[in-house]
Amino acid sequence: VKGRFTISRDNAKNMVYLQMNSLKPEDTAVYYCAASS
């Protein structure tokens, strides 16, 4: 996914994002976010 996906966060909004560009059929999946304490 390098060069196509971008992870980011907005701590003020308590949100995480994943921007996915140039998507391919092999990207088809269930996507999960996760956090570590």
PDB file of all heavy atoms in Angstrom:
ATOM      1  N   VAL A   1       0.803  -1.215   0.000  1.00  0.00           N
ATOM      2  CA  VAL A   1       0.000   0.000   0.000  1.00  0.00           C
ATOM      3  C   VAL A   1       0.836   1.265   0.000  1.00  0.00           C
ATOM      4  O   VAL A   1       0.281   2.370  -0.103  1.00  0.00           O
ATOM      5  CB  VAL A   1      -0.972   0.033   1.201  1.00  0.00           C
ATOM      6  CG1 VAL A   1      -1.815  -1.232   1.240  1.00  0.00           C
ATOM      7  CG2 VAL A   1      -0.209   0.207   2.510  1.00  0.00           C
ATOM      8  N   LYS A   2       2.144   1.141   0.103  1.00  0.00           N
ATOM      9  CA  LYS A   2       3.023   2.302   0.182  1.00  0.00           C
ATOM     10  C   LYS A   2       2.848   3.207  -1.037  1.00  0.00           C
ATOM     11  O   LYS A   2       2.835   2.744  -2.176  1.00  0.00           O
ATOM     12  CB  LYS A   2       4.473   1.844   0.298  1.00  0.00           C
ATOM     13  CG  LYS A   2       5.467   2.951   0.630  1.00  0.00           C
ATOM     14  CD  LYS A   2       6.873   2.386   0.805  1.00  0.00           C
ATOM     15  CE  LYS A   2       6.936   1.380   1.937  1.00  0.00           C
ATOM     16  NZ  LYS A   2       8.312   0.847   2.143  1.00  0.00           N
ATOM     17  N   GLY A   3       2.716   4.494  -0.782  1.00  0.00           N
ATOM     18  CA  GLY A   3       2.512   5.461  -1.842  1.00  0.00           C
ATOM     19  C   GLY A   3       1.066   5.664  -2.219  1.00  0.00           C
ATOM     20  O   GLY A   3       0.753   6.605  -2.960  1.00  0.00           O
ATOM     21  N   ARG A   4       0.171   4.808  -1.742  1.00  0.00           N
ATOM     22  CA  ARG A   4      -1.249   4.907  -2.049  1.00  0.00           C
ATOM     23  C   ARG A   4      -2.105   5.227  -0.832  1.00  0.00           C
ATOM     24  O   ARG A   4      -3.125   5.898  -0.959  1.00  0.00           O
ATOM     25  CB  ARG A   4      -1.751   3.613  -2.693  1.00  0.00           C
ATOM     26  CG  ARG A   4      -1.031   3.248  -3.992  1.00  0.00           C
ATOM     27  CD  ARG A   4      -1.695   2.062  -4.686  1.00  0.00           C
ATOM     28  NE  ARG A   4      -1.644   0.849  -3.880  1.00  0.00           N
ATOM     29  CZ  ARG A   4      -2.717   0.211  -3.407  1.00  0.00           C
ATOM     30  NH1 ARG A   4      -3.940   0.675  -3.674  1.00  0.00           N
ATOM     31  NH2 ARG A   4      -2.582  -0.896  -2.688  1.00  0.00           N
ATOM     32  N   PHE A   5      -1.707   4.735   0.338  1.00  0.00           N
ATOM     33  CA  PHE A   5      -2.465   4.938   1.569  1.00  0.00           C
ATOM     34  C   PHE A   5      -1.751   5.943   2.464  1.00  0.00           C
ATOM     35  O   PHE A   5      -0.512   5.996   2.498  1.00  0.00           O
ATOM     36  CB  PHE A   5      -2.618   3.627   2.346  1.00  0.00           C
ATOM     37  CG  PHE A   5      -3.547   2.620   1.715  1.00  0.00           C
ATOM     38  CD1 PHE A   5      -4.000   2.760   0.414  1.00  0.00           C
ATOM     39  CD2 PHE A   5      -3.962   1.521   2.443  1.00  0.00           C
ATOM     40  CE1 PHE A   5      -4.849   1.829  -0.165  1.00  0.00           C
ATOM     41  CE2 PHE A   5      -4.809   0.584   1.888  1.00  0.00           C
ATOM     42  CZ  PHE A   5      -5.255   0.729   0.586  1.00  0.00           C
ATOM     43  N   THR A   6      -2.521   6.716   3.223  1.00  0.00           N
ATOM     44  CA  THR A   6      -1.966   7.686   4.156  1.00  0.00           C
ATOM     45  C   THR A   6      -2.736   7.635   5.469  1.00  0.00           C
ATOM     46  O   THR A   6      -3.955   7.800   5.481  1.00  0.00           O
ATOM     47  CB  THR A   6      -2.021   9.116   3.597  1.00  0.00           C
ATOM     48  OG1 THR A   6      -1.331   9.184   2.345  1.00  0.00           O
ATOM     49  CG2 THR A   6      -1.365  10.093   4.572  1.00  0.00           C
ATOM     50  N   ILE A   7      -2.011   7.407   6.564  1.00  0.00           N
ATOM     51  CA  ILE A   7      -2.617   7.409   7.887  1.00  0.00           C
ATOM     52  C   ILE A   7      -2.445   8.787   8.518  1.00  0.00           C
ATOM     53  O   ILE A   7      -1.428   9.453   8.304  1.00  0.00           O
ATOM     54  CB  ILE A   7      -1.996   6.309   8.786  1.00  0.00           C
ATOM     55  CG1 ILE A   7      -2.768   6.166  10.098  1.00  0.00           C
ATOM     56  CG2 ILE A   7      -0.525   6.589   9.056  1.00  0.00           C
ATOM     57  CD1 ILE A   7      -2.309   4.979  10.945  1.00  0.00           C
ATOM     58  N   SER A   8      -3.421   9.219   9.269  1.00  0.00           N
ATOM     59  CA  SER A   8      -3.333  10.489   9.970  1.00  0.00           C
ATOM     60  C   SER A   8      -4.237  10.456  11.187  1.00  0.00           C
ATOM     61  O   SER A   8      -5.074   9.566  11.328  1.00  0.00           O
ATOM     62  CB  SER A   8      -3.703  11.662   9.056  1.00  0.00           C
ATOM     63  OG  SER A   8      -5.048  11.562   8.617  1.00  0.00           O
ATOM     64  N   ARG A   9      -4.061  11.417  12.058  1.00  0.00           N
ATOM     65  CA  ARG A   9      -4.917  11.517  13.235  1.00  0.00           C
ATOM     66  C   ARG A   9      -5.211  12.976  13.557  1.00  0.00           C
ATOM     67  O   ARG A   9      -4.455  13.879  13.200  1.00  0.00           O
ATOM     68  CB  ARG A   9      -4.285  10.826  14.451  1.00  0.00           C
ATOM     69  CG  ARG A   9      -3.117  11.589  15.049  1.00  0.00           C
ATOM     70  CD  ARG A   9      -2.845  11.117  16.472  1.00  0.00           C
ATOM     71  NE  ARG A   9      -1.828  10.078  16.515  1.00  0.00           N
ATOM     72  CZ  ARG A   9      -1.765   9.135  17.465  1.00  0.00           C
ATOM     73  NH1 ARG A   9      -2.681   9.083  18.411  1.00  0.00           N
ATOM     74  NH2 ARG A   9      -0.787   8.254  17.433  1.00  0.00           N
ATOM     75  N   ASP A  10      -6.315  13.185  14.237  1.00  0.00           N
ATOM     76  CA  ASP A  10      -6.687  14.489  14.753  1.00  0.00           C
ATOM     77  C   ASP A  10      -7.034  14.277  16.217  1.00  0.00           C
ATOM     78  O   ASP A  10      -8.143  13.874  16.551  1.00  0.00           O
ATOM     79  CB  ASP A  10      -7.868  15.072  13.981  1.00  0.00           C
ATOM     80  CG  ASP A  10      -8.180  16.503  14.378  1.00  0.00           C
ATOM     81  OD1 ASP A  10      -7.850  16.912  15.510  1.00  0.00           O
ATOM     82  OD2 ASP A  10      -8.761  17.229  13.551  1.00  0.00           O
ATOM     83  N   ASN A  11      -6.063  14.519  17.088  1.00  0.00           N
ATOM     84  CA  ASN A  11      -6.267  14.259  18.508  1.00  0.00           C
ATOM     85  C   ASN A  11      -7.366  15.133  19.107  1.00  0.00           C
ATOM     86  O   ASN A  11      -8.069  14.710  20.018  1.00  0.00           O
ATOM     87  CB  ASN A  11      -4.960  14.461  19.283  1.00  0.00           C
ATOM     88  CG  ASN A  11      -3.949  13.369  19.016  1.00  0.00           C
ATOM     89  OD1 ASN A  11      -4.304  12.251  18.639  1.00  0.00           O
ATOM     90  ND2 ASN A  11      -2.676  13.679  19.219  1.00  0.00           N
ATOM     91  N   ALA A  12      -7.508  16.350  18.605  1.00  0.00           N
ATOM     92  CA  ALA A  12      -8.545  17.238  19.111  1.00  0.00           C
ATOM     93  C   ALA A  12      -9.935  16.668  18.864  1.00  0.00           C
ATOM     94  O   ALA A  12     -10.848  16.872  19.658  1.00  0.00           O
ATOM     95  CB  ALA A  12      -8.414  18.618  18.486  1.00  0.00           C
ATOM     96  N   LYS A  13     -10.097  15.964  17.748  1.00  0.00           N
ATOM     97  CA  LYS A  13     -11.370  15.342  17.408  1.00  0.00           C
ATOM     98  C   LYS A  13     -11.442  13.886  17.848  1.00  0.00           C
ATOM     99  O   LYS A  13     -12.488  13.253  17.688  1.00  0.00           O
ATOM    100  CB  LYS A  13     -11.621  15.425  15.907  1.00  0.00           C
ATOM    101  CG  LYS A  13     -11.779  16.846  15.378  1.00  0.00           C
ATOM    102  CD  LYS A  13     -12.050  16.844  13.882  1.00  0.00           C
ATOM    103  CE  LYS A  13     -12.236  18.253  13.357  1.00  0.00           C
ATOM    104  NZ  LYS A  13     -12.489  18.264  11.894  1.00  0.00           N
ATOM    105  N   ASN A  14     -10.337  13.360  18.385  1.00  0.00           N
ATOM    106  CA  ASN A  14     -10.261  11.971  18.817  1.00  0.00           C
ATOM    107  C   ASN A  14     -10.573  11.019  17.656  1.00  0.00           C
ATOM    108  O   ASN A  14     -11.312  10.039  17.812  1.00  0.00           O
ATOM    109  CB  ASN A  14     -11.219  11.703  19.981  1.00  0.00           C
ATOM    110  CG  ASN A  14     -10.598  10.830  21.063  1.00  0.00           C
ATOM    111  OD1 ASN A  14      -9.386  10.838  21.263  1.00  0.00           O
ATOM    112  ND2 ASN A  14     -11.432  10.081  21.764  1.00  0.00           N
ATOM    113  N   MET A  15      -9.980  11.317  16.498  1.00  0.00           N
ATOM    114  CA  MET A  15     -10.249  10.532  15.300  1.00  0.00           C
ATOM    115  C   MET A  15      -8.969  10.132  14.582  1.00  0.00           C
ATOM    116  O   MET A  15      -7.936  10.798  14.690  1.00  0.00           O
ATOM    117  CB  MET A  15     -11.146  11.311  14.336  1.00  0.00           C
ATOM    118  CG  MET A  15     -12.533  11.587  14.877  1.00  0.00           C
ATOM    119  SD  MET A  15     -13.624  12.370  13.666  1.00  0.00           S
ATOM    120  CE  MET A  15     -13.864  11.008  12.512  1.00  0.00           C
ATOM    121  N   VAL A  16      -9.057   9.026  13.863  1.00  0.00           N
ATOM    122  CA  VAL A  16      -7.986   8.495  13.033  1.00  0.00           C
ATOM    123  C   VAL A  16      -8.528   8.349  11.617  1.00  0.00           C
ATOM    124  O   VAL A  16      -9.704   8.023  11.427  1.00  0.00           O
ATOM    125  CB  VAL A  16      -7.489   7.134  13.552  1.00  0.00           C
ATOM    126  CG1 VAL A  16      -6.338   6.619  12.704  1.00  0.00           C
ATOM    127  CG2 VAL A  16      -7.071   7.241  15.011  1.00  0.00           C
ATOM    128  N   TYR A  17      -7.666   8.554  10.622  1.00  0.00           N
ATOM    129  CA  TYR A  17      -8.090   8.484   9.236  1.00  0.00           C
ATOM    130  C   TYR A  17      -7.152   7.599   8.426  1.00  0.00           C
ATOM    131  O   TYR A  17      -5.973   7.456   8.737  1.00  0.00           O
ATOM    132  CB  TYR A  17      -8.120   9.874   8.598  1.00  0.00           C
ATOM    133  CG  TYR A  17      -8.934  10.878   9.366  1.00  0.00           C
ATOM    134  CD1 TYR A  17      -8.323  11.765  10.244  1.00  0.00           C
ATOM    135  CD2 TYR A  17     -10.314  10.939   9.220  1.00  0.00           C
ATOM    136  CE1 TYR A  17      -9.063  12.692  10.956  1.00  0.00           C
ATOM    137  CE2 TYR A  17     -11.065  11.859   9.928  1.00  0.00           C
ATOM    138  CZ  TYR A  17     -10.435  12.730  10.788  1.00  0.00           C
ATOM    139  OH  TYR A  17     -11.186  13.645  11.493  1.00  0.00           O
ATOM    140  N   LEU A  18      -7.699   7.022   7.365  1.00  0.00           N
ATOM    141  CA  LEU A  18      -6.902   6.313   6.378  1.00  0.00           C
ATOM    142  C   LEU A  18      -7.375   6.752   5.000  1.00  0.00           C
ATOM    143  O   LEU A  18      -8.475   6.391   4.576  1.00  0.00           O
ATOM    144  CB  LEU A  18      -7.027   4.795   6.523  1.00  0.00           C
ATOM    145  CG  LEU A  18      -6.143   3.976   5.578  1.00  0.00           C
ATOM    146  CD1 LEU A  18      -4.670   4.133   5.953  1.00  0.00           C
ATOM    147  CD2 LEU A  18      -6.540   2.502   5.599  1.00  0.00           C
ATOM    148  N   GLN A  19      -6.560   7.544   4.326  1.00  0.00           N
ATOM    149  CA  GLN A  19      -6.846   7.956   2.965  1.00  0.00           C
ATOM    150  C   GLN A  19      -6.301   6.902   2.018  1.00  0.00           C
ATOM    151  O   GLN A  19      -5.111   6.578   2.073  1.00  0.00           O
ATOM    152  CB  GLN A  19      -6.216   9.314   2.661  1.00  0.00           C
ATOM    153  CG  GLN A  19      -6.443   9.810   1.237  1.00  0.00           C
ATOM    154  CD  GLN A  19      -7.886  10.148   0.955  1.00  0.00           C
ATOM    155  OE1 GLN A  19      -8.536  10.797   1.765  1.00  0.00           O
ATOM    156  NE2 GLN A  19      -8.390   9.710  -0.189  1.00  0.00           N
ATOM    157  N   MET A  20      -7.150   6.371   1.143  1.00  0.00           N
ATOM    158  CA  MET A  20      -6.773   5.316   0.222  1.00  0.00           C
ATOM    159  C   MET A  20      -6.985   5.807  -1.201  1.00  0.00           C
ATOM    160  O   MET A  20      -8.111   6.109  -1.601  1.00  0.00           O
ATOM    161  CB  MET A  20      -7.586   4.050   0.480  1.00  0.00           C
ATOM    162  CG  MET A  20      -7.499   3.542   1.913  1.00  0.00           C
ATOM    163  SD  MET A  20      -8.354   1.965   2.149  1.00  0.00           S
ATOM    164  CE  MET A  20     -10.047   2.477   1.836  1.00  0.00           C
ATOM    165  N   ASN A  21      -5.911   5.880  -1.963  1.00  0.00           N
ATOM    166  CA  ASN A  21      -5.951   6.323  -3.349  1.00  0.00           C
ATOM    167  C   ASN A  21      -5.496   5.204  -4.277  1.00  0.00           C
ATOM    168  O   ASN A  21      -4.866   4.245  -3.855  1.00  0.00           O
ATOM    169  CB  ASN A  21      -5.053   7.548  -3.546  1.00  0.00           C
ATOM    170  CG  ASN A  21      -5.469   8.735  -2.713  1.00  0.00           C
ATOM    171  OD1 ASN A  21      -6.654   8.959  -2.478  1.00  0.00           O
ATOM    172  ND2 ASN A  21      -4.493   9.522  -2.276  1.00  0.00           N
ATOM    173  N   SER A  22      -5.804   5.353  -5.554  1.00  0.00           N
ATOM    174  CA  SER A  22      -5.407   4.376  -6.572  1.00  0.00           C
ATOM    175  C   SER A  22      -5.754   2.960  -6.145  1.00  0.00           C
ATOM    176  O   SER A  22      -4.933   2.044  -6.220  1.00  0.00           O
ATOM    177  CB  SER A  22      -3.903   4.502  -6.861  1.00  0.00           C
ATOM    178  OG  SER A  22      -3.575   5.802  -7.306  1.00  0.00           O
ATOM    179  N   LEU A  23      -6.974   2.776  -5.709  1.00  0.00           N
ATOM    180  CA  LEU A  23      -7.390   1.489  -5.161  1.00  0.00           C
ATOM    181  C   LEU A  23      -7.391   0.394  -6.213  1.00  0.00           C
ATOM    182  O   LEU A  23      -7.716   0.627  -7.382  1.00  0.00           O
ATOM    183  CB  LEU A  23      -8.768   1.617  -4.525  1.00  0.00           C
ATOM    184  CG  LEU A  23      -8.766   2.316  -3.163  1.00  0.00           C
ATOM    185  CD1 LEU A  23     -10.162   2.774  -2.786  1.00  0.00           C
ATOM    186  CD2 LEU A  23      -8.200   1.385  -2.092  1.00  0.00           C
ATOM    187  N   LYS A  24      -7.030  -0.805  -5.765  1.00  0.00           N
ATOM    188  CA  LYS A  24      -6.948  -1.985  -6.607  1.00  0.00           C
ATOM    189  C   LYS A  24      -7.922  -3.043  -6.106  1.00  0.00           C
ATOM    190  O   LYS A  24      -8.288  -3.043  -4.928  1.00  0.00           O
ATOM    191  CB  LYS A  24      -5.527  -2.558  -6.577  1.00  0.00           C
ATOM    192  CG  LYS A  24      -4.436  -1.573  -6.957  1.00  0.00           C
ATOM    193  CD  LYS A  24      -3.062  -2.187  -6.762  1.00  0.00           C
ATOM    194  CE  LYS A  24      -1.961  -1.213  -7.110  1.00  0.00           C
ATOM    195  NZ  LYS A  24      -0.616  -1.811  -6.900  1.00  0.00           N
ATOM    196  N   PRO A  25      -8.351  -3.970  -6.971  1.00  0.00           N
ATOM    197  CA  PRO A  25      -9.246  -5.036  -6.510  1.00  0.00           C
ATOM    198  C   PRO A  25      -8.694  -5.813  -5.320  1.00  0.00           C
ATOM    199  O   PRO A  25      -9.472  -6.229  -4.450  1.00  0.00           O
ATOM    200  CB  PRO A  25      -9.392  -5.929  -7.744  1.00  0.00           C
ATOM    201  CG  PRO A  25      -9.227  -4.994  -8.889  1.00  0.00           C
ATOM    202  CD  PRO A  25      -8.174  -4.013  -8.438  1.00  0.00           C
ATOM    203  N   GLU A  26      -7.389  -5.997  -5.250  1.00  0.00           N
ATOM    204  CA  GLU A  26      -6.789  -6.720  -4.143  1.00  0.00           C
ATOM    205  C   GLU A  26      -6.838  -5.957  -2.823  1.00  0.00           C
ATOM    206  O   GLU A  26      -6.493  -6.507  -1.774  1.00  0.00           O
ATOM    207  CB  GLU A  26      -5.338  -7.125  -4.456  1.00  0.00           C
ATOM    208  CG  GLU A  26      -4.466  -5.979  -4.936  1.00  0.00           C
ATOM    209  CD  GLU A  26      -4.354  -5.924  -6.447  1.00  0.00           C
ATOM    210  OE1 GLU A  26      -5.381  -6.103  -7.132  1.00  0.00           O
ATOM    211  OE2 GLU A  26      -3.227  -5.711  -6.953  1.00  0.00           O
ATOM    212  N   ASP A  27      -7.262  -4.700  -2.850  1.00  0.00           N
ATOM    213  CA  ASP A  27      -7.477  -3.941  -1.618  1.00  0.00           C
ATOM    214  C   ASP A  27      -8.817  -4.265  -0.970  1.00  0.00           C
ATOM    215  O   ASP A  27      -9.083  -3.807   0.145  1.00  0.00           O
ATOM    216  CB  ASP A  27      -7.402  -2.439  -1.888  1.00  0.00           C
ATOM    217  CG  ASP A  27      -6.024  -1.984  -2.325  1.00  0.00           C
ATOM    218  OD1 ASP A  27      -5.025  -2.473  -1.761  1.00  0.00           O
ATOM    219  OD2 ASP A  27      -5.946  -1.126  -3.228  1.00  0.00           O
ATOM    220  N   THR A  28      -9.657  -5.013  -1.658  1.00  0.00           N
ATOM    221  CA  THR A  28     -10.960  -5.383  -1.118  1.00  0.00           C
ATOM    222  C   THR A  28     -10.792  -6.163   0.178  1.00  0.00           C
ATOM    223  O   THR A  28     -10.099  -7.176   0.222  1.00  0.00           O
ATOM    224  CB  THR A  28     -11.748  -6.216  -2.132  1.00  0.00           C
ATOM    225  OG1 THR A  28     -12.018  -5.422  -3.294  1.00  0.00           O
ATOM    226  CG2 THR A  28     -13.072  -6.686  -1.538  1.00  0.00           C
ATOM    227  N   ALA A  29     -11.414  -5.685   1.244  1.00  0.00           N
ATOM    228  CA  ALA A  29     -11.284  -6.309   2.553  1.00  0.00           C
ATOM    229  C   ALA A  29     -12.161  -5.561   3.549  1.00  0.00           C
ATOM    230  O   ALA A  29     -12.715  -4.501   3.244  1.00  0.00           O
ATOM    231  CB  ALA A  29      -9.824  -6.283   3.029  1.00  0.00           C
ATOM    232  N   VAL A  30     -12.275  -6.124   4.745  1.00  0.00           N
ATOM    233  CA  VAL A  30     -12.820  -5.390   5.874  1.00  0.00           C
ATOM    234  C   VAL A  30     -11.659  -4.678   6.554  1.00  0.00           C
ATOM    235  O   VAL A  30     -10.651  -5.302   6.884  1.00  0.00           O
ATOM    236  CB  VAL A  30     -13.545  -6.313   6.867  1.00  0.00           C
ATOM    237  CG1 VAL A  30     -14.028  -5.519   8.076  1.00  0.00           C
ATOM    238  CG2 VAL A  30     -14.720  -7.005   6.188  1.00  0.00           C
ATOM    239  N   TYR A  31     -11.798  -3.391   6.768  1.00  0.00           N
ATOM    240  CA  TYR A  31     -10.743  -2.585   7.353  1.00  0.00           C
ATOM    241  C   TYR A  31     -11.069  -2.248   8.796  1.00  0.00           C
ATOM    242  O   TYR A  31     -12.191  -1.856   9.119  1.00  0.00           O
ATOM    243  CB  TYR A  31     -10.541  -1.298   6.542  1.00  0.00           C
ATOM    244  CG  TYR A  31      -9.796  -1.530   5.254  1.00  0.00           C
ATOM    245  CD1 TYR A  31     -10.403  -2.169   4.188  1.00  0.00           C
ATOM    246  CD2 TYR A  31      -8.466  -1.123   5.106  1.00  0.00           C
ATOM    247  CE1 TYR A  31      -9.717  -2.414   3.010  1.00  0.00           C
ATOM    248  CE2 TYR A  31      -7.774  -1.354   3.929  1.00  0.00           C
ATOM    249  CZ  TYR A  31      -8.399  -1.993   2.885  1.00  0.00           C
ATOM    250  OH  TYR A  31      -7.706  -2.219   1.720  1.00  0.00           O
ATOM    251  N   TYR A  32     -10.067  -2.389   9.663  1.00  0.00           N
ATOM    252  CA  TYR A  32     -10.215  -2.161  11.094  1.00  0.00           C
ATOM    253  C   TYR A  32      -9.212  -1.120  11.575  1.00  0.00           C
ATOM    254  O   TYR A  32      -8.058  -1.132  11.156  1.00  0.00           O
ATOM    255  CB  TYR A  32      -9.958  -3.447  11.885  1.00  0.00           C
ATOM    256  CG  TYR A  32     -10.839  -4.620  11.532  1.00  0.00           C
ATOM    257  CD1 TYR A  32     -10.503  -5.475  10.492  1.00  0.00           C
ATOM    258  CD2 TYR A  32     -11.992  -4.874  12.254  1.00  0.00           C
ATOM    259  CE1 TYR A  32     -11.300  -6.560  10.173  1.00  0.00           C
ATOM    260  CE2 TYR A  32     -12.797  -5.954  11.946  1.00  0.00           C
ATOM    261  CZ  TYR A  32     -12.442  -6.799  10.904  1.00  0.00           C
ATOM    262  OH  TYR A  32     -13.233  -7.879  10.591  1.00  0.00           O
ATOM    263  N   CYS A  33      -9.639  -0.253  12.467  1.00  0.00           N
ATOM    264  CA  CYS A  33      -8.695   0.605  13.162  1.00  0.00           C
ATOM    265  C   CYS A  33      -8.425   0.016  14.540  1.00  0.00           C
ATOM    266  O   CYS A  33      -9.236  -0.725  15.095  1.00  0.00           O
ATOM    267  CB  CYS A  33      -9.201   2.048  13.268  1.00  0.00           C
ATOM    268  SG  CYS A  33     -10.661   2.289  14.294  1.00  0.00           S
ATOM    269  N   ALA A  34      -7.259   0.338  15.084  1.00  0.00           N
ATOM    270  CA  ALA A  34      -6.852  -0.201  16.372  1.00  0.00           C
ATOM    271  C   ALA A  34      -6.003   0.819  17.111  1.00  0.00           C
ATOM    272  O   ALA A  34      -5.368   1.682  16.500  1.00  0.00           O
ATOM    273  CB  ALA A  34      -6.067  -1.502  16.186  1.00  0.00           C
ATOM    274  N   ALA A  35      -5.983   0.711  18.432  1.00  0.00           N
ATOM    275  CA  ALA A  35      -5.199   1.605  19.268  1.00  0.00           C
ATOM    276  C   ALA A  35      -4.515   0.813  20.369  1.00  0.00           C
ATOM    277  O   ALA A  35      -5.069  -0.162  20.882  1.00  0.00           O
ATOM    278  CB  ALA A  35      -6.081   2.692  19.873  1.00  0.00           C
ATOM    279  N   SER A  36      -3.308   1.245  20.728  1.00  0.00           N
ATOM    280  CA  SER A  36      -2.537   0.619  21.793  1.00  0.00           C
ATOM    281  C   SER A  36      -2.314   1.609  22.920  1.00  0.00           C
ATOM    282  O   SER A  36      -1.914   2.750  22.679  1.00  0.00           O
ATOM    283  CB  SER A  36      -1.193   0.128  21.265  1.00  0.00           C
ATOM    284  OG  SER A  36      -0.365  -0.332  22.320  1.00  0.00           O
ATOM    285  N   SER A  37      -2.542   1.167  24.145  1.00  0.00           N
ATOM    286  CA  SER A  37      -2.343   2.036  25.303  1.00  0.00           C
ATOM    287  C   SER A  37      -0.873   2.186  25.681  1.00  0.00           C
ATOM    288  O   SER A  37      -0.539   3.032  26.501  1.00  0.00           O
ATOM    289  CB  SER A  37      -3.123   1.500  26.504  1.00  0.00           C
ATOM    290  OG  SER A  37      -2.690   0.206  26.856  1.00  0.00           O
TER     291      SER A  37
END
